[in-house]
Amino acid sequence: MTPTAENPKKVTVLMGSPHKGGATYTAARKLLDDLESYGDSRGEIVALSDYNVGVCRGCKVCFARGRSSARSRTTGTCSSRR
């Protein structure tokens, strides 16, 4: 399916910087503005600092459970820590 103005591509920029108004945000915003100027895409910037992502401990519980991620979507923490 070819993207059109009625059915645009969806672009998500994951921003790892904690500085929401800094250079990384400015570059991401410029990228999205340039893509959106073509009229066949729309995008969003997701600042990872807005979420409690936590740190992977390498316990591999998520592999044993057969899930791609052991993180809870509601709490943002690894279920093996509960």
N, C-alpha and C. Protein backbone atom coordinates (compact mmCIF):
# COMPACT_ATOMS: atom_id res chain seq x y z
N MET A 1 0.85 -1.17 0.00
CA MET A 1 0.00 0.00 0.00
C MET A 1 0.90 1.24 0.00
N THR A 2 0.67 2.12 -0.94
CA THR A 2 1.44 3.36 -1.04
C THR A 2 0.84 4.41 -0.12
N PRO A 3 1.68 5.07 0.67
CA PRO A 3 1.16 6.11 1.57
C PRO A 3 0.61 7.30 0.80
N THR A 4 -0.47 7.85 1.29
CA THR A 4 -1.09 9.03 0.70
C THR A 4 -1.47 9.97 1.83
N ALA A 5 -1.99 11.14 1.48
CA ALA A 5 -2.44 12.09 2.50
C ALA A 5 -3.58 11.49 3.32
N GLU A 6 -4.41 10.65 2.70
CA GLU A 6 -5.52 10.01 3.42
C GLU A 6 -5.06 8.83 4.25
N ASN A 7 -3.96 8.20 3.84
CA ASN A 7 -3.42 7.03 4.54
C ASN A 7 -1.91 7.22 4.71
N PRO A 8 -1.51 8.11 5.62
CA PRO A 8 -0.08 8.46 5.74
C PRO A 8 0.75 7.41 6.46
N LYS A 9 2.07 7.45 6.18
CA LYS A 9 3.01 6.65 6.95
C LYS A 9 3.04 7.20 8.36
N LYS A 10 3.21 6.33 9.33
CA LYS A 10 3.33 6.77 10.72
C LYS A 10 4.79 6.62 11.13
N VAL A 11 5.37 7.73 11.59
CA VAL A 11 6.77 7.75 11.98
C VAL A 11 6.85 8.09 13.46
N THR A 12 7.58 7.27 14.21
CA THR A 12 7.79 7.53 15.63
C THR A 12 9.28 7.70 15.87
N VAL A 13 9.64 8.82 16.47
CA VAL A 13 11.03 9.08 16.83
C VAL A 13 11.16 8.83 18.33
N LEU A 14 12.00 7.87 18.71
CA LEU A 14 12.26 7.60 20.12
C LEU A 14 13.46 8.44 20.53
N MET A 15 13.22 9.37 21.43
CA MET A 15 14.26 10.29 21.85
C MET A 15 14.78 9.88 23.22
N GLY A 16 16.06 9.53 23.29
CA GLY A 16 16.65 9.09 24.53
C GLY A 16 17.20 10.21 25.40
N SER A 17 17.31 11.40 24.85
CA SER A 17 17.86 12.51 25.62
C SER A 17 16.87 13.00 26.67
N PRO A 18 17.33 13.34 27.87
CA PRO A 18 16.43 13.87 28.88
C PRO A 18 16.12 15.35 28.68
N HIS A 19 16.79 16.00 27.72
CA HIS A 19 16.61 17.44 27.47
C HIS A 19 15.55 17.64 26.38
N LYS A 20 14.33 17.88 26.79
CA LYS A 20 13.21 17.94 25.84
C LYS A 20 13.28 19.12 24.89
N GLY A 21 14.00 20.18 25.23
CA GLY A 21 14.10 21.31 24.32
C GLY A 21 15.48 21.44 23.71
N GLY A 22 16.29 20.40 23.82
CA GLY A 22 17.69 20.46 23.40
C GLY A 22 17.91 20.14 21.93
N ALA A 23 19.16 19.90 21.60
CA ALA A 23 19.56 19.67 20.22
C ALA A 23 18.95 18.40 19.63
N THR A 24 18.86 17.34 20.42
CA THR A 24 18.27 16.08 19.92
C THR A 24 16.80 16.28 19.57
N TYR A 25 16.07 16.97 20.44
CA TYR A 25 14.67 17.25 20.15
C TYR A 25 14.54 18.12 18.90
N THR A 26 15.38 19.13 18.80
CA THR A 26 15.34 20.02 17.63
C THR A 26 15.59 19.26 16.34
N ALA A 27 16.56 18.35 16.35
CA ALA A 27 16.86 17.53 15.18
C ALA A 27 15.71 16.59 14.85
N ALA A 28 15.12 15.99 15.87
CA ALA A 28 13.98 15.08 15.65
C ALA A 28 12.79 15.84 15.09
N ARG A 29 12.52 17.02 15.63
CA ARG A 29 11.41 17.84 15.15
C ARG A 29 11.62 18.25 13.70
N LYS A 30 12.87 18.62 13.35
CA LYS A 30 13.20 19.00 11.97
C LYS A 30 12.98 17.82 11.04
N LEU A 31 13.41 16.63 11.45
CA LEU A 31 13.21 15.43 10.65
C LEU A 31 11.72 15.20 10.39
N LEU A 32 10.92 15.25 11.44
CA LEU A 32 9.48 15.03 11.28
C LEU A 32 8.84 16.11 10.43
N ASP A 33 9.23 17.36 10.63
CA ASP A 33 8.68 18.45 9.82
C ASP A 33 9.00 18.25 8.35
N ASP A 34 10.24 17.85 8.05
CA ASP A 34 10.62 17.61 6.66
C ASP A 34 9.83 16.45 6.06
N LEU A 35 9.68 15.36 6.81
CA LEU A 35 8.90 14.23 6.31
C LEU A 35 7.44 14.59 6.10
N GLU A 36 6.87 15.33 7.06
CA GLU A 36 5.46 15.71 6.97
C GLU A 36 5.21 16.71 5.84
N SER A 37 6.23 17.44 5.43
CA SER A 37 6.06 18.42 4.35
C SER A 37 5.74 17.75 3.02
N TYR A 38 6.07 16.47 2.88
CA TYR A 38 5.74 15.73 1.66
C TYR A 38 4.25 15.38 1.60
N GLY A 39 3.59 15.43 2.74
CA GLY A 39 2.15 15.19 2.78
C GLY A 39 1.73 13.75 2.89
N ASP A 40 2.68 12.81 2.92
CA ASP A 40 2.29 11.40 2.99
C ASP A 40 2.76 10.72 4.27
N SER A 41 3.10 11.52 5.28
CA SER A 41 3.50 10.93 6.56
C SER A 41 3.11 11.86 7.70
N ARG A 42 3.01 11.25 8.87
CA ARG A 42 2.78 12.02 10.10
C ARG A 42 3.59 11.35 11.18
N GLY A 43 4.00 12.15 12.16
CA GLY A 43 4.89 11.57 13.14
C GLY A 43 4.68 12.09 14.53
N GLU A 44 5.40 11.47 15.44
CA GLU A 44 5.37 11.86 16.84
C GLU A 44 6.76 11.64 17.43
N ILE A 45 7.05 12.40 18.46
CA ILE A 45 8.30 12.24 19.20
C ILE A 45 7.94 11.66 20.57
N VAL A 46 8.55 10.55 20.91
CA VAL A 46 8.33 9.92 22.20
C VAL A 46 9.62 10.10 23.01
N ALA A 47 9.52 10.87 24.07
CA ALA A 47 10.67 11.09 24.95
C ALA A 47 10.71 9.97 25.98
N LEU A 48 11.74 9.17 25.93
CA LEU A 48 11.84 8.04 26.86
C LEU A 48 11.95 8.51 28.30
N SER A 49 12.37 9.75 28.51
CA SER A 49 12.46 10.27 29.87
C SER A 49 11.09 10.46 30.51
N ASP A 50 10.03 10.41 29.71
CA ASP A 50 8.67 10.50 30.23
C ASP A 50 8.17 9.18 30.81
N TYR A 51 8.94 8.12 30.63
CA TYR A 51 8.52 6.78 31.06
C TYR A 51 9.52 6.20 32.05
N ASN A 52 9.05 5.33 32.90
CA ASN A 52 9.90 4.62 33.84
C ASN A 52 10.39 3.35 33.14
N VAL A 53 11.39 3.50 32.31
CA VAL A 53 11.88 2.37 31.52
C VAL A 53 12.69 1.41 32.38
N GLY A 54 13.44 1.95 33.32
CA GLY A 54 14.25 1.10 34.19
C GLY A 54 15.48 0.58 33.46
N VAL A 55 16.18 -0.30 34.11
CA VAL A 55 17.42 -0.83 33.56
C VAL A 55 17.30 -2.35 33.48
N CYS A 56 17.65 -2.90 32.35
CA CYS A 56 17.66 -4.35 32.21
C CYS A 56 18.79 -4.93 33.05
N ARG A 57 18.45 -5.94 33.87
CA ARG A 57 19.45 -6.59 34.71
C ARG A 57 20.06 -7.81 34.04
N GLY A 58 19.54 -8.18 32.88
CA GLY A 58 20.07 -9.34 32.18
C GLY A 58 19.65 -10.66 32.77
N CYS A 59 18.52 -10.67 33.50
CA CYS A 59 18.08 -11.89 34.17
C CYS A 59 17.45 -12.90 33.21
N LYS A 60 17.04 -12.45 32.05
CA LYS A 60 16.44 -13.27 30.99
C LYS A 60 15.12 -13.93 31.38
N VAL A 61 14.45 -13.40 32.39
CA VAL A 61 13.13 -13.90 32.78
C VAL A 61 12.17 -13.76 31.60
N CYS A 62 12.32 -12.68 30.85
CA CYS A 62 11.42 -12.46 29.71
C CYS A 62 11.57 -13.57 28.67
N PHE A 63 12.79 -14.10 28.50
CA PHE A 63 12.99 -15.19 27.55
C PHE A 63 12.35 -16.47 28.06
N ALA A 64 12.49 -16.74 29.35
CA ALA A 64 11.94 -17.96 29.94
C ALA A 64 10.42 -17.96 29.87
N ARG A 65 9.81 -16.79 29.98
CA ARG A 65 8.35 -16.69 29.94
C ARG A 65 7.80 -16.67 28.52
N GLY A 66 8.68 -16.57 27.53
CA GLY A 66 8.24 -16.59 26.15
C GLY A 66 7.61 -15.28 25.68
N ARG A 67 7.93 -14.20 26.35
CA ARG A 67 7.43 -12.88 25.95
C ARG A 67 8.59 -12.05 25.44
N SER A 68 8.27 -11.12 24.55
CA SER A 68 9.33 -10.28 24.03
C SER A 68 9.79 -9.27 25.07
N SER A 69 8.96 -9.02 26.10
CA SER A 69 9.34 -8.10 27.15
C SER A 69 8.64 -8.49 28.43
N ALA A 70 9.36 -8.45 29.54
CA ALA A 70 8.75 -8.76 30.83
C ALA A 70 8.27 -7.51 31.53
N ARG A 71 8.42 -6.36 30.89
CA ARG A 71 8.01 -5.11 31.51
C ARG A 71 6.49 -4.97 31.50
N SER A 72 5.99 -4.49 32.59
CA SER A 72 4.55 -4.23 32.70
C SER A 72 4.23 -2.92 31.99
N ARG A 73 3.20 -2.92 31.16
CA ARG A 73 2.82 -1.70 30.46
C ARG A 73 2.24 -0.66 31.40
N THR A 74 1.76 -1.09 32.56
CA THR A 74 1.17 -0.12 33.48
C THR A 74 2.19 0.46 34.44
N THR A 75 3.12 -0.36 34.91
CA THR A 75 4.08 0.14 35.90
C THR A 75 5.43 0.46 35.29
N GLY A 76 5.75 -0.10 34.13
CA GLY A 76 7.03 0.15 33.50
C GLY A 76 8.18 -0.58 34.16
N THR A 77 7.88 -1.54 35.02
CA THR A 77 8.95 -2.27 35.70
C THR A 77 8.95 -3.72 35.27
N CYS A 78 10.06 -4.35 35.42
CA CYS A 78 10.21 -5.76 35.07
C CYS A 78 9.42 -6.61 36.06
N SER A 79 8.63 -7.55 35.57
CA SER A 79 7.79 -8.35 36.45
C SER A 79 8.62 -9.27 37.35
N SER A 80 9.87 -9.52 37.01
CA SER A 80 10.69 -10.37 37.88
C SER A 80 11.11 -9.66 39.14
N ARG A 81 10.92 -8.35 39.21
CA ARG A 81 11.28 -7.58 40.41
C ARG A 81 10.16 -7.51 41.42
N ARG A 82 8.98 -7.97 41.07
CA ARG A 82 7.82 -7.87 41.97
C ARG A 82 7.85 -8.94 43.03
